[in-house]
Structure formats: C-alpha cells, structure tokens
Amino acid sequence: MMPRLVPWFALAAVTAVAGCARPGTPATTPAPRPAPHRTDSTSRRASSAPAPAPALPPIPFVAGSLAVHVVYPSSRKLITSSDSTFVLGSVGNGDATLTIDGQPARVYPNGAFMAFVANPPAADPQYHLVAALGADTVRTTHPVLVRTPQAAPPDTTPVEPDTAGTWVRLDDPAAATLPDTDATIVVRPRPGETYRWFFLPGTMVWRDSSAGGYTRLRVDRELNVWVPDSVAHDVDPNTPAPRRVAGNGEVRSAPGWEDFVLPVGSRPAYFVEERDRAIDLTLYDTRGNTDIIRYPTGDSLIRRVEWAQVDNDRVRYTLHLARAPYGYLVLWQHGQFVLRVRRPPPVDRGHPLRGMIVAIDPGHPPGGATGPTDLHESDAVLQVAERLKTMLEADGAAVVMTRTNGSAVGLEDRPVIARRNGADVFVSIHLNAFPDGVNPFTATEGSATYFYRGQSEPLARAVQEGMVHAMGLPDQGIVFRSLAVVRQTWMPSILCEGAFVIVPAQEAALRTARFQEAYARGIADGLRAYFRGLGASQ
C-alpha cells in the first residue's frame, strides 16, 4: 500500500526561497526555524479585502473534425455502480450531436460531452456512440466491464480468538526505506475498514487469528484490531514476550518543541488524541509506574502531565498544554517512547505570511482525474501551485514544492518533504471528480477542503472560505477524511478540491490563467487569515 520511498536527497522537486533549506538536519529531527525573510510592499495585501470572485468564463467554441473520444470510463474499466454512471469525453466540434446507446448526450461548445446513462448489459458490456455533424456521422463502440449481480458473501471474519496465538512484529516491507519517524503501520478496526491507528514499525503484538488476507491483533484485553497479513511477521519462538511498564517521565524543552519522554521497555501500541489545550496518549498492553515527572523551568509548552491506569493493561497520559496543539511526532529512541509536541511559529500579525514556510503539494501523479477534453488533474494543479508560490513569496513566505514537473512523487513522500524542510503548514492542491453512479447533472459541483487531524481544522476553515470567495463555486464545506497526505501529525495539513475537472465548464475554466489565479488567490487569502488568527492567539 505504501510505495517505496525514493531517497529524500534525490527528490529534485523540492524548492524553497533562500533561507528555507536545512542542510545537515538529521532525518528524524525537524530543523529549527530560520530567520525572518525580507518582504516588500506587496505584503500589504495581507490586510486588503479579497478581490471579488470571477464568474466562470464562457466555454470557447471549437470547430474541429468530428472524432469521438471517450475519456471516462476508460476502455475495459470496471464500472462499480449498480445501474447507471456518467460517460464523458469529446467529439471535436461544438456543433455536433451525440447519442450513447440511443440516448442524447449533451455536447458543449468546445466539443466536450457528458451523459448519465444506464450501464450496458453484462451480455454486451459496451457503449454504442453515434456522433453527427451535418452529413457526417461517426459510429463507435466503447468496451467496459460490468459487475454481475451477486449475493453478498458471508462474513468469514472470526468473532472469537483462536485458542492458540503467537507474537508477531509489525513491519511493512514496502516502507523499509522510510526513516522511523515517517513510517507507520496502518491499523484498522475491521478488515478493509477505515484507518484508525498508526503504530511504530517494530512493535510486537499478539496475533490470535486471521481471515481474508488480514491478521487480527489483540493489543490489550479489551481491544482487537486488524492489519494486512503482509505486515505481521512471525518472531523467533524463543523471543521473550514484551514487558511494558512505563516508568518515570520527563519533559525536555527545545527551541521548536517539547518532548514528553517515557521509558517503556518495548515499543507499545498507542493512540494519540488531540483536545483543546491537551493531548491524550494511550499505551496498550502497558502498566503505568510513573512516580516522578520532571519539567523544565521557564515558559513550558507542556504545563503538566497526569496519568491513569484505565484498565489492567492500558494506561493513559494526558499532557496539559499552554495552548491548543499545533503538531506532534511519535518517536522510539533508546528504549524510550517520545511524544514530541511542536511549538507554533511566531507570527507577525501585520504581515502574517512573513517568515512562514509553506509546503505546496500539487496533487498527483501517479493517478488523478482527467477532464472531457483531456486536461489532466496533475497538469492543472501544477499551474495553480506555481501561481500560489509566487503569491506567497511576494508576502515573505518561503515555499517548499513537493514537485515542480510532471514526475510522479509517492503519497508518503510528500509529507516527508514538507517535514524535512521545516514547513509550518502543508497544502495539497487537487481537482475533484464524481464516483461511478453519481448523476453529475444533479450533484453539487463546488469547492471543498479536507482535513484529518484536529490541529488542521482551523486551517481548513480559513482556506475553504478563501476559495469559495475567490472562485465563486458552491461551498461544499470542510470534510474530515483519512487521506494519506493529511494524516501527518507534525503540521496543520489540508487537501483542497477547488473545482471538478470532469465538469466541462469547470475544466474549460481551469485552462485559463484567470481561473488558475482565482484558485491560487483563494488559498493564499485563506493562509493569510489562518496565520493572522494564529498570531492573535499568541
């Protein structure tokens, strides 16, 4: 599931303004903040009112040769809906007409078409398209794959553990080149369900059963979780069972963070939950024996730590903070569990972007959606990202780009690039598409912003408001969702879906400099508002 990580020093897609690079920084330790950057009068835009949202430009007319090109679904793609889905592509001329299986499809001025039609029968899994322009007619078929209706398979997941079990060590072979602070083992509440826990590689856990390619783990007496079989590895039967006892703790202060250090003896399965001015750390299969916790003097971010043995083999530590959590890392160092809590960056309220390090992630490749006239998501968002970079640098920010060309960058690599370059926030730029079965003529086609960690919710709200105002598309709100690039913990991280590339009018707009500028300006306005609010809280 996690692609092999290319060496971080070989990722030529990392760019930043002077002062952003951190030569010599250990891979597992975030770098200290740089000196503030110079800025000029353009930063005064931080306090000016955002420009009014533009209307979508008219779709240009195309008078080309008649040619039918289906973009979605691709040839022999499995249609996952039960009865109907959308079909889109182009016919080369805005005056042409098109039918799909005898049903008329809407043709737009640039020759793009979109239709919502019934899935073809399993006996003849192909669409029949007929395009006409005057006396010219083109007929073509487009093969797809259609699901055959089947009864739901019985649930073979075991409910009770086997009488026999064994210890296993969690490691992901596909992530073997990742440093320890970036690699995590994704753990689920049930096979195939959503991600919920993120354990350290090397954690030993009791395996009590398996089913359907998944292994069930008993992390303590009250909790069973699931991982793919590929990450659960047998250990030598003579290996002693882990004995996890949390001893006396210590809070250690550094310029950019504070560490809560707890000797445990063996990597525990854990869960971190952010609250307002607090972080709860739960350690499974662990007994608490913490009599002393030492704190630094002075202005400490971690004000105090309380702990409770909530079950016989489950202990919870609550870190009470001087302010709302901004970011954290979990590390395992020399037999000690370390929860590193990040300090927020200092903000110049008059120039809120000055000195900030912003990671911009142009989403994809690999993958990504394609519009009806072959505008690929990865190409369009790179244009938006480059415009955003220019805006942010004009306001005194340093910018880290996860890519600057069409080369593929792995999902797990992108947050690593941001963290190793000391980014204060991470913004991934994307374009949306509907799943099979959704009628694009009745569904809302607007802007949305995704987040996962609680620390990212204020950033998501600010950027969403900026995008809606600048782009003028319907407001689909902010969305909590477990996406790879926003699950990172060290900085507020969001993913923007500013527009729908599969919608002909929005695809045409995305080809224009004006609309690309609007998308970038919406994000920039949101970042200014976010950091201005962060400065006010300081």
Protein backbone atom coordinates (compact mmCIF):
# COMPACT_ATOMS: atom_id res chain seq x y z
CA MET A 1 0.00 0.00 0.00
CA MET A 2 2.87 2.38 0.76
CA PRO A 3 5.08 2.91 -2.31
CA ARG A 4 8.83 2.53 -2.00
CA LEU A 5 10.35 5.84 -0.96
CA VAL A 6 12.99 7.29 -3.22
CA PRO A 7 15.96 8.77 -1.33
CA TRP A 8 14.93 12.16 0.02
CA PHE A 9 18.06 13.82 -1.32
CA ALA A 10 17.16 12.62 -4.82
CA LEU A 11 13.79 14.36 -4.87
CA ALA A 12 14.64 17.24 -7.18
CA ALA A 13 11.12 18.58 -6.81
CA VAL A 14 11.96 20.36 -3.55
CA THR A 15 12.34 24.11 -4.00
CA ALA A 16 12.36 26.94 -1.49
CA VAL A 17 13.37 30.58 -1.27
CA ALA A 18 16.70 31.47 0.33
CA GLY A 19 16.89 30.53 3.99
CA CYS A 20 14.43 27.65 3.79
CA ALA A 21 16.86 24.76 3.22
CA ARG A 22 18.14 23.00 6.30
CA PRO A 23 21.48 21.38 5.41
CA GLY A 24 22.75 18.93 7.96
CA THR A 25 19.40 18.44 9.72
CA PRO A 26 19.03 14.82 10.94
CA ALA A 27 16.34 12.97 9.01
CA THR A 28 14.42 12.19 12.18
CA THR A 29 14.62 15.63 13.78
CA PRO A 30 12.76 18.70 12.49
CA ALA A 31 15.00 21.69 11.91
CA PRO A 32 14.91 24.95 13.89
CA ARG A 33 13.11 27.90 12.32
CA PRO A 34 15.04 30.25 10.00
CA ALA A 35 15.46 33.97 10.46
CA PRO A 36 12.51 36.03 9.17
CA HIS A 37 12.59 36.74 5.45
CA ARG A 38 12.64 40.21 3.96
CA THR A 39 9.47 41.34 2.28
CA ASP A 40 8.31 44.34 0.31
CA SER A 41 5.23 46.46 -0.08
CA THR A 42 3.33 43.64 -1.73
CA SER A 43 2.86 42.10 1.72
CA ARG A 44 0.41 44.89 2.49
CA ARG A 45 -2.13 42.83 0.59
CA ALA A 46 -2.46 40.75 3.76
CA SER A 47 -4.75 43.40 5.20
CA SER A 48 -6.61 44.30 1.99
CA ALA A 49 -10.04 42.93 1.09
CA PRO A 50 -10.02 39.89 -1.24
CA ALA A 51 -10.87 40.54 -4.87
CA PRO A 52 -14.43 39.65 -5.95
CA ALA A 53 -14.98 36.14 -7.24
CA PRO A 54 -14.93 35.80 -11.02
CA ALA A 55 -17.73 34.20 -12.98
CA LEU A 56 -16.76 31.11 -14.92
CA PRO A 57 -15.56 32.19 -18.36
CA PRO A 58 -17.64 31.11 -21.35
CA ILE A 59 -16.59 27.82 -22.88
CA PRO A 60 -14.75 28.57 -26.13
CA PHE A 61 -16.22 27.26 -29.38
CA VAL A 62 -14.25 24.56 -31.20
CA ALA A 63 -14.96 23.82 -34.88
CA GLY A 64 -12.80 20.78 -35.49
CA SER A 65 -13.19 17.49 -37.28
CA LEU A 66 -15.73 15.02 -35.96
CA ALA A 67 -13.96 12.45 -33.77
CA VAL A 68 -15.37 10.52 -30.80
CA HIS A 69 -13.00 10.20 -27.82
CA VAL A 70 -14.26 8.68 -24.56
CA VAL A 71 -12.24 9.78 -21.52
CA TYR A 72 -14.32 8.14 -18.81
CA PRO A 73 -14.86 5.32 -18.22
CA SER A 74 -11.63 4.21 -19.83
CA SER A 75 -11.63 1.20 -22.12
CA ARG A 76 -12.47 -2.03 -20.26
CA LYS A 77 -12.72 -0.23 -16.92
CA LEU A 78 -14.92 -1.91 -14.32
CA ILE A 79 -17.98 0.22 -13.61
CA THR A 80 -18.61 -0.01 -9.89
CA SER A 81 -22.16 1.39 -9.82
CA SER A 82 -25.15 -0.93 -9.81
CA ASP A 83 -27.18 0.52 -12.69
CA SER A 84 -26.01 3.86 -14.17
CA THR A 85 -22.96 6.10 -14.42
CA PHE A 86 -21.63 9.13 -16.28
CA VAL A 87 -19.74 8.99 -19.57
CA LEU A 88 -17.61 11.91 -20.72
CA GLY A 89 -15.22 12.81 -23.50
CA SER A 90 -15.15 14.91 -26.66
CA VAL A 91 -16.41 14.80 -30.25
CA GLY A 92 -14.15 17.52 -31.69
CA ASN A 93 -16.82 20.07 -32.67
CA GLY A 94 -19.25 22.16 -30.63
CA ASP A 95 -21.99 21.87 -33.28
CA ALA A 96 -22.00 18.07 -33.25
CA THR A 97 -24.68 15.87 -31.71
CA LEU A 98 -24.11 12.61 -29.86
CA THR A 99 -26.14 9.67 -28.64
CA ILE A 100 -24.98 6.94 -26.29
CA ASP A 101 -27.00 3.74 -26.52
CA GLY A 102 -29.66 5.78 -28.26
CA GLN A 103 -29.85 8.42 -25.51
CA PRO A 104 -28.82 12.03 -26.33
CA ALA A 105 -25.65 13.31 -24.65
CA ARG A 106 -25.04 16.99 -24.03
CA VAL A 107 -22.33 18.44 -26.27
CA TYR A 108 -20.64 21.67 -25.11
CA PRO A 109 -19.23 24.48 -27.32
CA ASN A 110 -15.68 23.09 -27.10
CA GLY A 111 -16.82 19.65 -28.24
CA ALA A 112 -16.83 18.13 -24.76
CA PHE A 113 -19.70 15.85 -23.90
CA MET A 114 -21.19 14.44 -20.72
CA ALA A 115 -24.07 12.00 -20.22
CA PHE A 116 -25.59 9.96 -17.42
CA VAL A 117 -26.66 6.63 -18.89
CA ALA A 118 -27.59 3.13 -17.87
CA ASN A 119 -24.80 0.60 -17.58
CA PRO A 120 -24.65 -1.72 -20.60
CA PRO A 121 -25.86 -5.28 -20.08
CA ALA A 122 -23.37 -7.90 -18.96
CA ALA A 123 -24.08 -9.84 -22.17
CA ASP A 124 -22.88 -6.86 -24.29
CA PRO A 125 -20.63 -4.74 -22.00
CA GLN A 126 -20.03 -1.80 -24.33
CA TYR A 127 -21.46 1.60 -25.10
CA HIS A 128 -22.62 2.40 -28.63
CA LEU A 129 -21.88 6.01 -29.54
CA VAL A 130 -23.13 7.86 -32.64
CA ALA A 131 -21.84 11.38 -33.37
CA ALA A 132 -23.22 13.51 -36.20
CA LEU A 133 -22.25 16.82 -37.78
CA GLY A 134 -24.28 17.74 -40.84
CA ALA A 135 -23.98 14.84 -43.24
CA ASP A 136 -21.00 13.38 -41.39
CA THR A 137 -21.65 10.52 -38.96
CA VAL A 138 -19.20 8.58 -36.78
CA ARG A 139 -20.23 5.36 -35.04
CA THR A 140 -18.08 3.65 -32.44
CA THR A 141 -18.29 1.19 -29.57
CA HIS A 142 -16.55 1.55 -26.23
CA PRO A 143 -16.00 -1.65 -24.19
CA VAL A 144 -16.24 -1.63 -20.39
CA LEU A 145 -16.59 -4.20 -17.62
CA VAL A 146 -19.88 -4.54 -15.74
CA ARG A 147 -20.42 -6.24 -12.42
CA THR A 148 -22.62 -9.30 -12.44
CA PRO A 149 -25.13 -9.07 -9.57
CA GLN A 150 -24.13 -11.46 -6.81
CA ALA A 151 -25.31 -12.22 -3.33
CA ALA A 152 -23.18 -10.71 -0.60
CA PRO A 153 -20.54 -13.18 0.57
CA PRO A 154 -20.87 -14.46 4.11
CA ASP A 155 -18.82 -12.70 6.77
CA THR A 156 -15.91 -15.04 7.44
CA THR A 157 -14.26 -12.78 10.00
CA PRO A 158 -13.76 -14.78 13.21
CA VAL A 159 -15.56 -13.35 16.20
CA GLU A 160 -13.75 -15.20 18.93
CA PRO A 161 -9.95 -15.56 19.08
CA ASP A 162 -8.30 -18.86 18.40
CA THR A 163 -7.16 -20.77 21.45
CA ALA A 164 -3.62 -20.62 20.06
CA GLY A 165 -1.77 -17.47 19.14
CA THR A 166 1.68 -16.05 18.74
CA TRP A 167 3.65 -12.85 18.95
CA VAL A 168 4.30 -11.01 15.70
CA ARG A 169 6.39 -7.98 14.83
CA LEU A 170 4.78 -5.27 12.70
CA ASP A 171 6.84 -4.13 9.73
CA ASP A 172 5.85 -3.03 6.24
CA PRO A 173 8.31 -4.36 3.63
CA ALA A 174 7.14 -1.71 1.15
CA ALA A 175 8.18 1.01 3.61
CA ALA A 176 11.55 -0.41 4.58
CA THR A 177 13.47 2.61 3.25
CA LEU A 178 11.47 5.14 5.26
CA PRO A 179 13.05 6.58 8.41
CA ASP A 180 11.39 5.56 11.64
CA THR A 181 9.55 8.83 12.27
CA ASP A 182 7.83 8.73 8.87
CA ALA A 183 6.96 5.04 8.62
CA THR A 184 3.81 3.85 10.35
CA ILE A 185 1.82 0.65 10.37
CA VAL A 186 -1.79 1.40 9.45
CA VAL A 187 -4.25 -0.44 11.70
CA ARG A 188 -7.99 -0.85 11.19
CA PRO A 189 -10.97 -1.66 13.43
CA ARG A 190 -12.14 -4.35 10.94
CA PRO A 191 -10.71 -5.83 7.71
CA GLY A 192 -10.98 -3.36 4.86
CA GLU A 193 -12.43 -0.62 7.04
CA THR A 194 -11.04 2.86 7.63
CA TYR A 195 -7.64 3.67 9.08
CA ARG A 196 -7.70 4.38 12.81
CA TRP A 197 -4.35 3.58 14.49
CA PHE A 198 -0.79 4.20 13.32
CA PHE A 199 1.75 2.03 15.15
CA LEU A 200 5.53 2.24 15.12
CA PRO A 201 7.31 -0.35 12.96
CA GLY A 202 8.91 -3.00 15.15
CA THR A 203 6.00 -3.13 17.61
CA MET A 204 5.37 -6.64 18.96
CA VAL A 205 1.67 -7.57 19.23
CA TRP A 206 -0.22 -10.78 19.98
CA ARG A 207 -1.82 -12.38 16.89
CA ASP A 208 -4.83 -14.52 17.69
CA SER A 209 -6.46 -15.19 14.28
CA SER A 210 -6.62 -14.24 10.61
CA ALA A 211 -9.16 -14.14 7.79
CA GLY A 212 -9.34 -12.93 4.20
CA GLY A 213 -5.79 -11.61 4.00
CA TYR A 214 -5.97 -9.80 7.34
CA THR A 215 -4.47 -10.61 10.74
CA ARG A 216 -6.29 -9.89 13.97
CA LEU A 217 -4.17 -8.45 16.76
CA ARG A 218 -5.02 -8.27 20.43
CA VAL A 219 -3.35 -5.06 21.58
CA ASP A 220 -4.76 -5.46 25.09
CA ARG A 221 -7.51 -7.44 26.82
CA GLU A 222 -10.27 -5.12 25.60
CA LEU A 223 -9.19 -4.21 22.07
CA ASN A 224 -8.73 -6.24 18.88
CA VAL A 225 -7.54 -4.59 15.66
CA TRP A 226 -6.65 -5.71 12.14
CA VAL A 227 -3.68 -5.36 9.78
CA PRO A 228 -2.88 -6.90 6.38
CA ASP A 229 -1.10 -10.24 6.68
CA SER A 230 1.90 -8.73 4.87
CA VAL A 231 2.87 -6.50 7.81
CA ALA A 232 2.57 -9.13 10.61
CA HIS A 233 5.80 -11.16 10.79
CA ASP A 234 6.48 -14.18 13.00
CA VAL A 235 9.18 -13.76 15.63
CA ASP A 236 11.54 -16.37 16.96
CA PRO A 237 9.55 -18.56 19.39
CA ASN A 238 12.36 -18.09 21.92
CA THR A 239 11.91 -14.30 21.88
CA PRO A 240 10.66 -13.25 25.32
CA ALA A 241 7.25 -11.64 25.44
CA PRO A 242 7.40 -7.85 25.77
CA ARG A 243 7.03 -6.49 29.28
CA ARG A 244 5.82 -2.94 29.06
CA VAL A 245 5.98 -0.86 32.20
CA ALA A 246 6.01 2.94 31.87
CA GLY A 247 8.48 4.42 34.32
CA ASN A 248 9.28 7.94 35.47
CA GLY A 249 8.83 10.59 32.80
CA GLU A 250 10.48 13.82 31.81
CA VAL A 251 9.58 16.90 29.76
CA ARG A 252 12.53 18.19 27.73
CA SER A 253 12.45 21.59 26.10
CA ALA A 254 13.95 22.59 22.71
CA PRO A 255 13.58 25.76 20.59
CA GLY A 256 10.87 24.34 18.35
CA TRP A 257 9.20 21.72 20.51
CA GLU A 258 8.98 19.91 23.83
CA ASP A 259 9.39 16.16 24.34
CA PHE A 260 7.49 14.03 26.79
CA VAL A 261 9.90 11.14 27.36
CA LEU A 262 8.70 7.91 28.94
CA PRO A 263 10.79 4.74 29.37
CA VAL A 264 8.64 1.74 28.50
CA GLY A 265 10.98 -1.15 27.68
CA SER A 266 9.36 -2.21 24.42
CA ARG A 267 7.51 -0.32 21.70
CA PRO A 268 3.85 -0.18 22.75
CA ALA A 269 0.80 0.04 20.54
CA TYR A 270 -0.58 3.52 21.14
CA PHE A 271 -3.20 6.10 20.26
CA VAL A 272 -2.86 9.90 20.32
CA GLU A 273 -5.92 12.13 20.56
CA GLU A 274 -5.81 15.93 20.46
CA ARG A 275 -8.10 18.03 22.60
CA ASP A 276 -8.36 21.74 23.34
CA ARG A 277 -5.07 22.56 25.12
CA ALA A 278 -4.40 18.88 25.79
CA ILE A 279 -3.17 15.66 24.17
CA ASP A 280 -4.20 12.21 25.39
CA LEU A 281 -1.65 9.43 24.90
CA THR A 282 -2.97 5.88 25.39
CA LEU A 283 -0.49 3.00 25.66
CA TYR A 284 -1.88 -0.51 25.18
CA ASP A 285 -0.62 -3.65 26.90
CA THR A 286 1.23 -1.32 29.27
CA ARG A 287 1.20 -0.83 33.01
CA GLY A 288 1.88 2.60 34.44
CA ASN A 289 4.50 3.00 37.18
CA THR A 290 5.23 6.70 36.85
CA ASP A 291 6.10 8.20 40.21
CA ILE A 292 8.13 11.22 39.02
CA ILE A 293 7.80 13.56 36.03
CA ARG A 294 10.42 16.29 35.67
CA TYR A 295 9.63 19.59 33.91
CA PRO A 296 11.83 22.37 32.55
CA THR A 297 11.66 25.76 34.19
CA GLY A 298 10.54 28.83 32.27
CA ASP A 299 7.81 29.10 29.64
CA SER A 300 6.94 25.43 29.18
CA LEU A 301 4.56 24.30 26.44
CA ILE A 302 3.68 21.10 28.35
CA ARG A 303 2.42 22.50 31.63
CA ARG A 304 1.75 19.23 33.42
CA VAL A 305 1.15 15.54 32.74
CA GLU A 306 -1.43 13.37 34.50
CA TRP A 307 -1.78 9.63 34.15
CA ALA A 308 -4.31 6.94 34.97
CA GLN A 309 -4.39 3.17 34.69
CA VAL A 310 -7.69 2.98 32.84
CA ASP A 311 -7.55 -0.82 32.63
CA ASN A 312 -5.26 -3.55 33.90
CA ASP A 313 -3.14 -3.34 30.75
CA ARG A 314 -3.96 0.12 29.43
CA VAL A 315 -2.55 3.41 30.67
CA ARG A 316 -3.40 6.96 29.59
CA TYR A 317 -1.20 10.05 29.91
CA THR A 318 -2.80 13.47 29.50
CA LEU A 319 -0.49 16.30 28.50
CA HIS A 320 -1.97 19.66 29.51
CA LEU A 321 -0.65 22.34 27.16
CA ALA A 322 -0.25 26.09 27.35
CA ARG A 323 -2.16 26.40 24.07
CA ALA A 324 -4.04 24.30 21.50
CA PRO A 325 -1.93 21.55 19.87
CA TYR A 326 -0.12 22.63 16.69
CA GLY A 327 1.63 19.37 15.78
CA TYR A 328 3.35 16.31 17.23
CA LEU A 329 5.58 13.36 16.38
CA VAL A 330 5.86 9.91 17.95
CA LEU A 331 9.39 8.50 18.19
CA TRP A 332 11.10 5.48 19.72
CA GLN A 333 14.58 6.35 20.98
CA HIS A 334 16.84 4.13 23.10
CA GLY A 335 14.04 2.23 24.81
CA GLN A 336 12.01 5.37 25.43
CA PHE A 337 8.66 6.42 24.00
CA VAL A 338 8.86 10.07 22.94
CA LEU A 339 5.87 12.27 22.21
CA ARG A 340 7.28 15.44 20.62
CA VAL A 341 4.88 18.38 20.82
CA ARG A 342 5.53 21.19 18.37
CA ARG A 343 5.52 24.87 19.25
CA PRO A 344 3.55 27.09 16.84
CA PRO A 345 5.62 29.51 14.75
CA PRO A 346 5.74 33.16 15.87
CA VAL A 347 3.54 35.33 13.65
CA ASP A 348 3.91 38.96 12.59
CA ARG A 349 0.25 39.98 12.73
CA GLY A 350 0.82 42.87 10.33
CA HIS A 351 2.48 40.56 7.80
CA PRO A 352 1.16 37.10 8.74
CA LEU A 353 2.98 35.19 5.98
CA ARG A 354 6.37 36.77 6.58
CA GLY A 355 8.86 34.09 7.61
CA MET A 356 6.36 31.21 7.28
CA ILE A 357 7.40 28.04 5.46
CA VAL A 358 4.52 26.72 3.36
CA ALA A 359 4.63 23.29 1.71
CA ILE A 360 2.64 23.28 -1.54
CA ASP A 361 1.77 19.84 -2.88
CA PRO A 362 0.44 19.74 -6.47
CA GLY A 363 -1.57 16.53 -6.26
CA HIS A 364 -0.69 13.56 -8.47
CA PRO A 365 0.86 11.88 -10.42
CA PRO A 366 0.55 8.97 -10.09
CA GLY A 367 -3.19 8.83 -10.60
CA GLY A 368 -5.58 11.74 -10.85
CA ALA A 369 -8.74 12.60 -12.75
CA THR A 370 -9.00 13.73 -16.38
CA GLY A 371 -11.48 16.19 -17.88
CA PRO A 372 -13.54 15.55 -21.03
CA THR A 373 -11.02 17.35 -23.28
CA ASP A 374 -8.05 15.54 -21.71
CA LEU A 375 -6.98 18.15 -19.14
CA HIS A 376 -5.27 16.02 -16.51
CA GLU A 377 -5.60 16.96 -12.86
CA SER A 378 -1.85 16.83 -12.24
CA ASP A 379 -1.14 19.35 -15.02
CA ALA A 380 -3.83 21.80 -13.96
CA VAL A 381 -2.93 21.82 -10.26
CA LEU A 382 0.75 22.37 -11.03
CA GLN A 383 -0.24 25.60 -12.79
CA VAL A 384 -2.25 26.65 -9.73
CA ALA A 385 0.61 25.71 -7.38
CA GLU A 386 3.13 27.79 -9.31
CA ARG A 387 0.85 30.84 -9.13
CA LEU A 388 0.31 30.26 -5.41
CA LYS A 389 4.05 30.01 -4.87
CA THR A 390 4.55 33.42 -6.47
CA MET A 391 1.83 34.98 -4.30
CA LEU A 392 3.19 33.56 -1.05
CA GLU A 393 6.77 34.53 -1.78
CA ALA A 394 5.64 38.09 -2.54
CA ASP A 395 4.26 38.17 1.02
CA GLY A 396 7.55 37.00 2.53
CA ALA A 397 6.86 33.27 2.88
CA ALA A 398 9.29 30.51 1.97
CA VAL A 399 7.76 27.84 -0.25
CA VAL A 400 8.56 24.13 -0.48
CA MET A 401 7.17 22.43 -3.60
CA THR A 402 6.75 18.66 -3.46
CA ARG A 403 7.12 18.60 -7.24
CA THR A 404 7.88 21.14 -9.96
CA ASN A 405 7.28 18.99 -13.06
CA GLY A 406 5.24 16.03 -14.24
CA SER A 407 7.34 13.37 -12.50
CA ALA A 408 5.50 11.09 -10.09
CA VAL A 409 6.02 11.55 -6.34
CA GLY A 410 4.72 8.94 -3.89
CA LEU A 411 1.92 9.83 -1.48
CA GLU A 412 4.01 9.03 1.58
CA ASP A 413 6.97 11.03 0.24
CA ARG A 414 5.09 14.33 0.10
CA PRO A 415 4.61 14.91 3.85
CA VAL A 416 8.21 13.78 4.39
CA ILE A 417 9.42 16.50 2.02
CA ALA A 418 7.41 19.07 3.96
CA ARG A 419 8.62 17.96 7.38
CA ARG A 420 12.28 17.73 6.43
CA ASN A 421 12.14 21.27 5.05
CA GLY A 422 10.65 22.62 8.28
CA ALA A 423 7.24 23.52 6.82
CA ASP A 424 4.74 25.27 9.08
CA VAL A 425 1.70 24.14 7.06
CA PHE A 426 1.02 21.69 4.24
CA VAL A 427 -1.47 22.40 1.43
CA SER A 428 -2.23 19.72 -1.17
CA ILE A 429 -3.97 21.04 -4.30
CA HIS A 430 -6.37 18.77 -6.18
CA LEU A 431 -9.37 18.72 -8.52
CA ASN A 432 -12.45 16.68 -7.86
CA ALA A 433 -14.41 14.02 -9.74
CA PHE A 434 -17.59 12.10 -9.03
CA PRO A 435 -17.57 8.36 -8.33
CA ASP A 436 -19.47 5.94 -10.53
CA GLY A 437 -23.21 6.13 -10.12
CA VAL A 438 -23.43 9.86 -9.30
CA ASN A 439 -25.52 11.96 -11.69
CA PRO A 440 -23.32 15.00 -12.48
CA PHE A 441 -26.35 17.00 -13.64
CA THR A 442 -27.98 16.89 -10.21
CA ALA A 443 -24.97 16.67 -7.86
CA THR A 444 -23.29 19.76 -6.39
CA GLU A 445 -20.11 20.74 -8.20
CA GLY A 446 -18.18 23.05 -5.89
CA SER A 447 -15.14 23.57 -3.67
CA ALA A 448 -14.25 21.51 -0.60
CA THR A 449 -11.34 21.26 1.84
CA TYR A 450 -10.31 18.04 3.62
CA PHE A 451 -8.53 17.58 6.95
CA TYR A 452 -7.89 14.74 9.40
CA ARG A 453 -6.08 15.99 12.50
CA GLY A 454 -7.78 18.37 14.91
CA GLN A 455 -4.89 20.80 14.60
CA SER A 456 -5.75 21.23 10.90
CA GLU A 457 -9.41 22.19 11.26
CA PRO A 458 -8.83 25.97 11.67
CA LEU A 459 -6.61 25.99 8.58
CA ALA A 460 -9.22 24.05 6.60
CA ARG A 461 -11.95 26.55 7.51
CA ALA A 462 -9.84 29.57 6.59
CA VAL A 463 -8.73 28.19 3.22
CA GLN A 464 -12.21 26.94 2.34
CA GLU A 465 -13.64 30.40 2.95
CA GLY A 466 -10.91 31.95 0.80
CA MET A 467 -11.51 29.53 -2.08
CA VAL A 468 -15.28 29.97 -2.11
CA HIS A 469 -14.94 33.77 -2.14
CA ALA A 470 -12.24 33.81 -4.83
CA MET A 471 -13.59 31.11 -7.16
CA GLY A 472 -17.32 31.61 -6.79
CA LEU A 473 -18.24 27.90 -6.88
CA PRO A 474 -20.74 26.30 -4.47
CA ASP A 475 -19.45 25.76 -0.93
CA GLN A 476 -19.18 22.05 -0.16
CA GLY A 477 -17.68 22.80 3.25
CA ILE A 478 -14.78 21.22 5.09
CA VAL A 479 -14.61 17.43 5.34
CA PHE A 480 -13.00 15.13 7.90
CA ARG A 481 -11.43 12.24 5.99
CA SER A 482 -8.46 9.91 6.40
CA LEU A 483 -6.35 10.80 3.37
CA ALA A 484 -2.66 9.92 3.17
CA VAL A 485 -1.26 13.43 2.84
CA VAL A 486 -3.40 14.97 5.60
CA ARG A 487 -2.83 12.23 8.21
CA GLN A 488 0.61 13.61 9.02
CA THR A 489 0.93 14.94 12.56
CA TRP A 490 3.82 17.44 12.58
CA MET A 491 1.99 20.39 10.99
CA PRO A 492 -1.54 21.50 10.09
CA SER A 493 -2.27 19.77 6.77
CA ILE A 494 -5.17 20.11 4.35
CA LEU A 495 -6.20 18.93 0.90
CA CYS A 496 -8.11 21.34 -1.38
CA GLU A 497 -10.57 20.16 -4.03
CA GLY A 498 -11.16 23.57 -5.61
CA ALA A 499 -13.16 22.51 -8.66
CA PHE A 500 -14.40 19.49 -10.64
CA VAL A 501 -12.15 18.79 -13.59
CA ILE A 502 -14.69 16.37 -15.11
CA VAL A 503 -17.36 19.10 -15.40
CA PRO A 504 -16.95 20.69 -18.86
CA ALA A 505 -17.47 24.31 -17.77
CA GLN A 506 -15.02 23.98 -14.89
CA GLU A 507 -12.47 22.09 -16.98
CA ALA A 508 -12.58 24.89 -19.58
CA ALA A 509 -12.16 27.50 -16.83
CA LEU A 510 -9.16 25.63 -15.42
CA ARG A 511 -7.38 26.11 -18.73
CA THR A 512 -7.49 29.89 -18.26
CA ALA A 513 -4.94 31.98 -16.35
CA ARG A 514 -7.75 33.92 -14.67
CA PHE A 515 -9.34 30.90 -13.03
CA GLN A 516 -5.99 29.38 -12.05
CA GLU A 517 -5.18 32.72 -10.43
CA ALA A 518 -8.50 32.69 -8.57
CA TYR A 519 -7.85 29.20 -7.17
CA ALA A 520 -4.37 30.23 -6.02
CA ARG A 521 -5.62 33.52 -4.58
CA GLY A 522 -8.31 31.74 -2.57
CA ILE A 523 -5.71 29.51 -0.90
CA ALA A 524 -3.37 32.46 -0.30
CA ASP A 525 -6.15 34.53 1.27
CA GLY A 526 -7.03 31.58 3.50
CA LEU A 527 -3.41 31.16 4.61
CA ARG A 528 -3.17 34.86 5.49
CA ALA A 529 -6.37 34.64 7.52
CA TYR A 530 -5.18 31.48 9.29
CA PHE A 531 -1.81 32.86 10.33
CA ARG A 532 -3.36 36.18 11.30
CA GLY A 533 -5.68 34.30 13.64
CA LEU A 534 -2.78 32.23 14.95
CA GLY A 535 -0.91 35.44 15.69
CA ALA A 536 -3.90 36.85 17.54
CA SER A 537 -3.99 33.76 19.77
CA GLN A 538 -0.35 34.34 20.69
